[in-house]
Amino acid sequence: MTQTTGAVDVVLPCLNEAAALPAVLQQLPPGYHAIVVDNGSTDGTAAVAAGLGATVVHEASRGYGAAVHTGIEHATTEIVCVLDADGSMAPALLPALVAPVATGRARLCVGRRIPVSRGVWPWHARAGNAVLAWLLRRRGLAVRDIGPIRAFRRDDLLALGITDRGFGYPLELLIRAADAGWEVSEVDFDYLPRAAGTRSKVSGSVLGTLRAARDMAGVLR
């Protein structure tokens, strides 16, 4: 199966990302349209996004998975990407993730973070990610990251029936993809420092990492 249109919607779950959004949105490749899902921001994220031409959707229920799911539901293109809006990953990477999905070589393509410098990815977040990736490899899914950037066919992903609406969403997606026998490819990318004025909801603190671990433990159970 091949991509039937050159357009790709890009879902960006956002909670107080106004400082990073201008650079991220301006770097989207031609044909890639942003769907910014405002998850309760208080810094004017929605206004910044709308002013730069993005489609803005509001999701009142807090949670990474809730924002991502709402964005995918509002997408209209056959292939959809999900990208963090904090400036830590270059939008120029997106076509490399879309390519294997568009050509049918994979049902899902995910990014593997390669930190460009020390401190970009704190040890506590890296350690938790490594354990989860190891567990997925034991299930037969050859991935090395539970990353926040991915490409897929919209209808395929919605049919998986992912239910987690918190930080466990990426893990449940990979587990369900493995159980469904999906071919999943992985693309390395440079993991950059976040834009000034933003803070990670997961790796920005040990508490954030623990909350993510709690959500992901629920998925594993």
C-alpha atoms as a PDB file:
ATOM      1  CA  MET A   1       0.000   0.000   0.000  1.00  0.00           C
ATOM      2  CA  THR A   2       1.242   3.492  -0.778  1.00  0.00           C
ATOM      3  CA  GLN A   3       0.391   6.953   0.423  1.00  0.00           C
ATOM      4  CA  THR A   4      -2.569   8.342  -1.543  1.00  0.00           C
ATOM      5  CA  THR A   5      -1.847  12.001  -0.801  1.00  0.00           C
ATOM      6  CA  GLY A   6       1.202  14.097  -0.163  1.00  0.00           C
ATOM      7  CA  ALA A   7      -0.380  15.781   2.844  1.00  0.00           C
ATOM      8  CA  VAL A   8       0.484  14.604   6.356  1.00  0.00           C
ATOM      9  CA  ASP A   9      -1.091  15.851   9.570  1.00  0.00           C
ATOM     10  CA  VAL A  10       1.293  16.265  12.507  1.00  0.00           C
ATOM     11  CA  VAL A  11      -0.218  16.023  15.998  1.00  0.00           C
ATOM     12  CA  LEU A  12       1.597  18.109  18.606  1.00  0.00           C
ATOM     13  CA  PRO A  13       0.341  17.551  22.182  1.00  0.00           C
ATOM     14  CA  CYS A  14       0.987  20.793  24.055  1.00  0.00           C
ATOM     15  CA  LEU A  15       0.996  21.973  27.630  1.00  0.00           C
ATOM     16  CA  ASN A  16       2.652  25.391  27.946  1.00  0.00           C
ATOM     17  CA  GLU A  17       4.841  25.173  24.849  1.00  0.00           C
ATOM     18  CA  ALA A  18       4.374  28.755  23.577  1.00  0.00           C
ATOM     19  CA  ALA A  19       8.110  29.465  23.765  1.00  0.00           C
ATOM     20  CA  ALA A  20       9.016  26.510  21.537  1.00  0.00           C
ATOM     21  CA  LEU A  21       6.130  26.468  19.054  1.00  0.00           C
ATOM     22  CA  PRO A  22       7.232  29.196  16.616  1.00  0.00           C
ATOM     23  CA  ALA A  23      10.487  27.428  15.697  1.00  0.00           C
ATOM     24  CA  VAL A  24       8.864  23.983  15.607  1.00  0.00           C
ATOM     25  CA  LEU A  25       5.956  25.017  13.392  1.00  0.00           C
ATOM     26  CA  GLN A  26       8.139  27.033  11.034  1.00  0.00           C
ATOM     27  CA  GLN A  27      10.408  24.016  10.515  1.00  0.00           C
ATOM     28  CA  LEU A  28       7.671  21.614   9.418  1.00  0.00           C
ATOM     29  CA  PRO A  29       8.424  20.238   5.935  1.00  0.00           C
ATOM     30  CA  PRO A  30       6.185  21.300   3.025  1.00  0.00           C
ATOM     31  CA  GLY A  31       2.937  19.327   3.000  1.00  0.00           C
ATOM     32  CA  TYR A  32       3.013  18.678   6.758  1.00  0.00           C
ATOM     33  CA  HIS A  33       0.216  20.435   8.649  1.00  0.00           C
ATOM     34  CA  ALA A  34       0.227  20.944  12.413  1.00  0.00           C
ATOM     35  CA  ILE A  35      -2.651  19.966  14.674  1.00  0.00           C
ATOM     36  CA  VAL A  36      -1.806  21.526  18.037  1.00  0.00           C
ATOM     37  CA  VAL A  37      -3.727  19.946  20.891  1.00  0.00           C
ATOM     38  CA  ASP A  38      -3.817  22.382  23.791  1.00  0.00           C
ATOM     39  CA  ASN A  39      -4.025  20.363  26.990  1.00  0.00           C
ATOM     40  CA  GLY A  40      -4.797  23.212  29.376  1.00  0.00           C
ATOM     41  CA  SER A  41      -1.966  25.664  28.699  1.00  0.00           C
ATOM     42  CA  THR A  42      -1.803  28.955  30.580  1.00  0.00           C
ATOM     43  CA  ASP A  43       0.964  30.608  28.520  1.00  0.00           C
ATOM     44  CA  GLY A  44      -0.932  31.437  25.322  1.00  0.00           C
ATOM     45  CA  THR A  45       0.073  28.248  23.482  1.00  0.00           C
ATOM     46  CA  ALA A  46      -3.224  28.085  21.560  1.00  0.00           C
ATOM     47  CA  ALA A  47      -3.008  31.689  20.375  1.00  0.00           C
ATOM     48  CA  VAL A  48       0.604  31.272  19.237  1.00  0.00           C
ATOM     49  CA  ALA A  49      -0.286  28.113  17.314  1.00  0.00           C
ATOM     50  CA  ALA A  50      -3.329  29.642  15.640  1.00  0.00           C
ATOM     51  CA  GLY A  51      -1.320  32.720  14.679  1.00  0.00           C
ATOM     52  CA  LEU A  52       1.178  30.510  12.878  1.00  0.00           C
ATOM     53  CA  GLY A  53      -1.489  28.674  10.869  1.00  0.00           C
ATOM     54  CA  ALA A  54      -1.855  25.501  12.905  1.00  0.00           C
ATOM     55  CA  THR A  55      -5.181  23.824  13.525  1.00  0.00           C
ATOM     56  CA  VAL A  56      -5.859  24.176  17.255  1.00  0.00           C
ATOM     57  CA  VAL A  57      -7.852  21.604  19.202  1.00  0.00           C
ATOM     58  CA  HIS A  58      -8.569  21.781  22.924  1.00  0.00           C
ATOM     59  CA  GLU A  59      -8.513  18.704  25.165  1.00  0.00           C
ATOM     60  CA  ALA A  60      -9.726  19.363  28.698  1.00  0.00           C
ATOM     61  CA  SER A  61      -8.705  15.998  30.143  1.00  0.00           C
ATOM     62  CA  ARG A  62      -5.074  16.267  31.202  1.00  0.00           C
ATOM     63  CA  GLY A  63      -2.695  13.619  29.951  1.00  0.00           C
ATOM     64  CA  TYR A  64      -0.276  12.929  27.113  1.00  0.00           C
ATOM     65  CA  GLY A  65      -2.381  10.092  25.750  1.00  0.00           C
ATOM     66  CA  ALA A  66      -5.566  12.150  25.933  1.00  0.00           C
ATOM     67  CA  ALA A  67      -3.992  14.942  23.886  1.00  0.00           C
ATOM     68  CA  VAL A  68      -2.487  12.587  21.313  1.00  0.00           C
ATOM     69  CA  HIS A  69      -5.698  10.600  20.870  1.00  0.00           C
ATOM     70  CA  THR A  70      -7.770  13.753  20.378  1.00  0.00           C
ATOM     71  CA  GLY A  71      -5.308  15.039  17.797  1.00  0.00           C
ATOM     72  CA  ILE A  72      -5.413  11.779  15.837  1.00  0.00           C
ATOM     73  CA  GLU A  73      -9.216  11.815  15.875  1.00  0.00           C
ATOM     74  CA  HIS A  74      -9.139  15.317  14.351  1.00  0.00           C
ATOM     75  CA  ALA A  75      -6.588  14.375  11.684  1.00  0.00           C
ATOM     76  CA  THR A  76      -7.875  14.017   8.131  1.00  0.00           C
ATOM     77  CA  THR A  77      -4.845  12.645   6.266  1.00  0.00           C
ATOM     78  CA  GLU A  78      -4.193   8.958   5.666  1.00  0.00           C
ATOM     79  CA  ILE A  79      -0.772   9.058   7.319  1.00  0.00           C
ATOM     80  CA  VAL A  80      -0.327  10.954  10.580  1.00  0.00           C
ATOM     81  CA  CYS A  81       2.736  11.839  12.641  1.00  0.00           C
ATOM     82  CA  VAL A  82       3.055  12.650  16.332  1.00  0.00           C
ATOM     83  CA  LEU A  83       5.786  15.051  17.418  1.00  0.00           C
ATOM     84  CA  ASP A  84       6.705  16.706  20.715  1.00  0.00           C
ATOM     85  CA  ALA A  85       6.403  20.494  20.526  1.00  0.00           C
ATOM     86  CA  ASP A  86       9.294  21.358  22.846  1.00  0.00           C
ATOM     87  CA  GLY A  87      12.019  21.791  20.230  1.00  0.00           C
ATOM     88  CA  SER A  88      13.916  18.645  21.245  1.00  0.00           C
ATOM     89  CA  MET A  89      13.379  16.928  17.899  1.00  0.00           C
ATOM     90  CA  ALA A  90      13.754  18.510  14.469  1.00  0.00           C
ATOM     91  CA  PRO A  91      10.600  18.391  12.300  1.00  0.00           C
ATOM     92  CA  ALA A  92      12.878  17.737   9.306  1.00  0.00           C
ATOM     93  CA  LEU A  93      13.024  14.125  10.545  1.00  0.00           C
ATOM     94  CA  LEU A  94       9.345  13.478   9.785  1.00  0.00           C
ATOM     95  CA  PRO A  95       9.665  12.419   6.114  1.00  0.00           C
ATOM     96  CA  ALA A  96      12.147   9.713   7.143  1.00  0.00           C
ATOM     97  CA  LEU A  97       9.523   8.284   9.501  1.00  0.00           C
ATOM     98  CA  VAL A  98       6.722   8.571   6.965  1.00  0.00           C
ATOM     99  CA  ALA A  99       8.634   6.832   4.150  1.00  0.00           C
ATOM    100  CA  PRO A 100       8.480   3.220   5.446  1.00  0.00           C
ATOM    101  CA  VAL A 101       4.794   3.620   6.316  1.00  0.00           C
ATOM    102  CA  ALA A 102       3.936   5.157   2.936  1.00  0.00           C
ATOM    103  CA  THR A 103       5.687   2.374   1.028  1.00  0.00           C
ATOM    104  CA  GLY A 104       4.191  -0.401   3.145  1.00  0.00           C
ATOM    105  CA  ARG A 105       7.497  -1.522   4.651  1.00  0.00           C
ATOM    106  CA  ALA A 106       6.155  -0.793   8.149  1.00  0.00           C
ATOM    107  CA  ARG A 107       2.811  -0.203   9.835  1.00  0.00           C
ATOM    108  CA  LEU A 108       4.502   2.036  12.413  1.00  0.00           C
ATOM    109  CA  CYS A 109       7.771   3.955  12.368  1.00  0.00           C
ATOM    110  CA  VAL A 110       9.187   5.393  15.589  1.00  0.00           C
ATOM    111  CA  GLY A 111      12.166   7.565  16.426  1.00  0.00           C
ATOM    112  CA  ARG A 112      15.075   6.479  18.610  1.00  0.00           C
ATOM    113  CA  ARG A 113      16.594   9.313  20.614  1.00  0.00           C
ATOM    114  CA  ILE A 114      20.350   9.873  20.371  1.00  0.00           C
ATOM    115  CA  PRO A 115      21.240  12.700  22.810  1.00  0.00           C
ATOM    116  CA  VAL A 116      23.497  15.339  21.273  1.00  0.00           C
ATOM    117  CA  SER A 117      25.053  16.236  24.628  1.00  0.00           C
ATOM    118  CA  ARG A 118      25.099  15.245  28.286  1.00  0.00           C
ATOM    119  CA  GLY A 119      22.118  16.447  30.254  1.00  0.00           C
ATOM    120  CA  VAL A 120      19.704  16.411  27.316  1.00  0.00           C
ATOM    121  CA  TRP A 121      18.214  13.109  28.518  1.00  0.00           C
ATOM    122  CA  PRO A 122      18.549  12.716  32.328  1.00  0.00           C
ATOM    123  CA  TRP A 123      19.786   9.410  33.688  1.00  0.00           C
ATOM    124  CA  HIS A 124      16.534   8.518  35.453  1.00  0.00           C
ATOM    125  CA  ALA A 125      14.535   8.869  32.237  1.00  0.00           C
ATOM    126  CA  ARG A 126      17.136   6.986  30.172  1.00  0.00           C
ATOM    127  CA  ALA A 127      17.231   4.114  32.661  1.00  0.00           C
ATOM    128  CA  GLY A 128      13.457   3.687  32.716  1.00  0.00           C
ATOM    129  CA  ASN A 129      13.301   3.817  28.941  1.00  0.00           C
ATOM    130  CA  ALA A 130      15.999   1.151  28.603  1.00  0.00           C
ATOM    131  CA  VAL A 131      14.133  -1.259  30.866  1.00  0.00           C
ATOM    132  CA  LEU A 132      10.869  -0.815  28.973  1.00  0.00           C
ATOM    133  CA  ALA A 133      12.569  -1.252  25.597  1.00  0.00           C
ATOM    134  CA  TRP A 134      14.173  -4.468  26.896  1.00  0.00           C
ATOM    135  CA  LEU A 135      10.763  -5.780  27.926  1.00  0.00           C
ATOM    136  CA  LEU A 136       9.388  -4.997  24.468  1.00  0.00           C
ATOM    137  CA  ARG A 137      12.267  -6.825  22.790  1.00  0.00           C
ATOM    138  CA  ARG A 138      11.391  -9.863  24.897  1.00  0.00           C
ATOM    139  CA  ARG A 139       7.931  -9.654  23.306  1.00  0.00           C
ATOM    140  CA  GLY A 140       9.541  -9.738  19.866  1.00  0.00           C
ATOM    141  CA  LEU A 141       9.450  -6.024  19.046  1.00  0.00           C
ATOM    142  CA  ALA A 142      12.938  -4.865  18.089  1.00  0.00           C
ATOM    143  CA  VAL A 143      12.865  -1.308  19.416  1.00  0.00           C
ATOM    144  CA  ARG A 144      15.342   0.508  21.639  1.00  0.00           C
ATOM    145  CA  ASP A 145      13.268   3.524  22.640  1.00  0.00           C
ATOM    146  CA  ILE A 146       9.758   4.294  23.874  1.00  0.00           C
ATOM    147  CA  GLY A 147       9.947   7.535  21.966  1.00  0.00           C
ATOM    148  CA  PRO A 148       7.530  10.445  21.489  1.00  0.00           C
ATOM    149  CA  ILE A 149       7.835  10.732  17.693  1.00  0.00           C
ATOM    150  CA  ARG A 150       6.117   8.335  15.303  1.00  0.00           C
ATOM    151  CA  ALA A 151       4.325   7.899  11.961  1.00  0.00           C
ATOM    152  CA  PHE A 152       1.443   5.574  11.121  1.00  0.00           C
ATOM    153  CA  ARG A 153      -1.769   5.228   9.143  1.00  0.00           C
ATOM    154  CA  ARG A 154      -4.560   6.924  11.057  1.00  0.00           C
ATOM    155  CA  ASP A 155      -7.165   4.188  10.635  1.00  0.00           C
ATOM    156  CA  ASP A 156      -4.694   1.437  11.542  1.00  0.00           C
ATOM    157  CA  LEU A 157      -3.738   3.126  14.784  1.00  0.00           C
ATOM    158  CA  LEU A 158      -7.299   3.915  15.872  1.00  0.00           C
ATOM    159  CA  ALA A 159      -8.225   0.269  15.220  1.00  0.00           C
ATOM    160  CA  LEU A 160      -5.650  -0.844  17.827  1.00  0.00           C
ATOM    161  CA  GLY A 161      -8.005   0.460  20.540  1.00  0.00           C
ATOM    162  CA  ILE A 162      -5.387   2.125  22.760  1.00  0.00           C
ATOM    163  CA  THR A 163      -7.021   3.061  26.059  1.00  0.00           C
ATOM    164  CA  ASP A 164      -4.275   4.736  28.112  1.00  0.00           C
ATOM    165  CA  ARG A 165      -4.679   8.496  28.254  1.00  0.00           C
ATOM    166  CA  GLY A 166      -1.603   9.274  30.334  1.00  0.00           C
ATOM    167  CA  PHE A 167       2.131   8.743  29.931  1.00  0.00           C
ATOM    168  CA  GLY A 168       1.543   5.049  29.292  1.00  0.00           C
ATOM    169  CA  TYR A 169       0.173   5.753  25.810  1.00  0.00           C
ATOM    170  CA  PRO A 170       3.436   5.194  23.845  1.00  0.00           C
ATOM    171  CA  LEU A 171       4.094   1.906  25.632  1.00  0.00           C
ATOM    172  CA  GLU A 172       0.564   0.594  25.100  1.00  0.00           C
ATOM    173  CA  LEU A 173       0.815   1.530  21.429  1.00  0.00           C
ATOM    174  CA  LEU A 174       3.980  -0.542  21.011  1.00  0.00           C
ATOM    175  CA  ILE A 175       2.581  -3.482  22.981  1.00  0.00           C
ATOM    176  CA  ARG A 176      -0.597  -3.552  20.913  1.00  0.00           C
ATOM    177  CA  ALA A 177       1.384  -3.186  17.697  1.00  0.00           C
ATOM    178  CA  ALA A 178       3.551  -6.150  18.711  1.00  0.00           C
ATOM    179  CA  ASP A 179       0.534  -8.263  19.637  1.00  0.00           C
ATOM    180  CA  ALA A 180      -1.081  -7.399  16.299  1.00  0.00           C
ATOM    181  CA  GLY A 181       2.017  -8.546  14.421  1.00  0.00           C
ATOM    182  CA  TRP A 182       2.825  -5.132  13.013  1.00  0.00           C
ATOM    183  CA  GLU A 183       6.115  -4.483  11.288  1.00  0.00           C
ATOM    184  CA  VAL A 184       7.675  -1.626  13.266  1.00  0.00           C
ATOM    185  CA  SER A 185      10.727   0.282  12.059  1.00  0.00           C
ATOM    186  CA  GLU A 186      12.955   2.606  14.060  1.00  0.00           C
ATOM    187  CA  VAL A 187      14.870   5.681  12.890  1.00  0.00           C
ATOM    188  CA  ASP A 188      17.685   7.264  14.900  1.00  0.00           C
ATOM    189  CA  PHE A 189      17.506  11.016  15.415  1.00  0.00           C
ATOM    190  CA  ASP A 190      19.411  13.722  17.264  1.00  0.00           C
ATOM    191  CA  TYR A 191      17.747  14.454  20.598  1.00  0.00           C
ATOM    192  CA  LEU A 192      18.244  18.183  21.166  1.00  0.00           C
ATOM    193  CA  PRO A 193      18.002  20.436  24.213  1.00  0.00           C
ATOM    194  CA  ARG A 194      14.474  21.679  24.807  1.00  0.00           C
ATOM    195  CA  ALA A 195      13.666  25.244  23.839  1.00  0.00           C
ATOM    196  CA  ALA A 196      14.342  27.830  26.531  1.00  0.00           C
ATOM    197  CA  GLY A 197      11.273  28.535  28.620  1.00  0.00           C
ATOM    198  CA  THR A 198       9.898  24.981  28.400  1.00  0.00           C
ATOM    199  CA  ARG A 199      10.203  21.999  30.702  1.00  0.00           C
ATOM    200  CA  SER A 200       9.691  18.293  30.141  1.00  0.00           C
ATOM    201  CA  LYS A 201       6.643  16.820  31.876  1.00  0.00           C
ATOM    202  CA  VAL A 202       8.497  13.484  32.180  1.00  0.00           C
ATOM    203  CA  SER A 203      12.286  13.771  32.193  1.00  0.00           C
ATOM    204  CA  GLY A 204      12.326  17.302  33.609  1.00  0.00           C
ATOM    205  CA  SER A 205      12.111  15.927  37.142  1.00  0.00           C
ATOM    206  CA  VAL A 206      12.351  12.675  39.053  1.00  0.00           C
ATOM    207  CA  LEU A 207       8.691  13.146  40.045  1.00  0.00           C
ATOM    208  CA  GLY A 208       7.680  13.433  36.402  1.00  0.00           C
ATOM    209  CA  THR A 209       9.590  10.266  35.584  1.00  0.00           C
ATOM    210  CA  LEU A 210       7.924   8.454  38.495  1.00  0.00           C
ATOM    211  CA  ARG A 211       4.489   9.519  37.252  1.00  0.00           C
ATOM    212  CA  ALA A 212       5.334   8.201  33.801  1.00  0.00           C
ATOM    213  CA  ALA A 213       6.608   4.962  35.344  1.00  0.00           C
ATOM    214  CA  ARG A 214       3.329   4.617  37.258  1.00  0.00           C
ATOM    215  CA  ASP A 215       1.288   4.995  34.066  1.00  0.00           C
ATOM    216  CA  MET A 216       3.486   2.576  32.155  1.00  0.00           C
ATOM    217  CA  ALA A 217       3.402   0.028  34.974  1.00  0.00           C
ATOM    218  CA  GLY A 218      -0.377   0.129  34.716  1.00  0.00           C
ATOM    219  CA  VAL A 219      -0.097  -0.665  31.013  1.00  0.00           C
ATOM    220  CA  LEU A 220       2.238  -3.592  31.686  1.00  0.00           C
ATOM    221  CA  ARG A 221      -0.193  -5.014  34.215  1.00  0.00           C
END
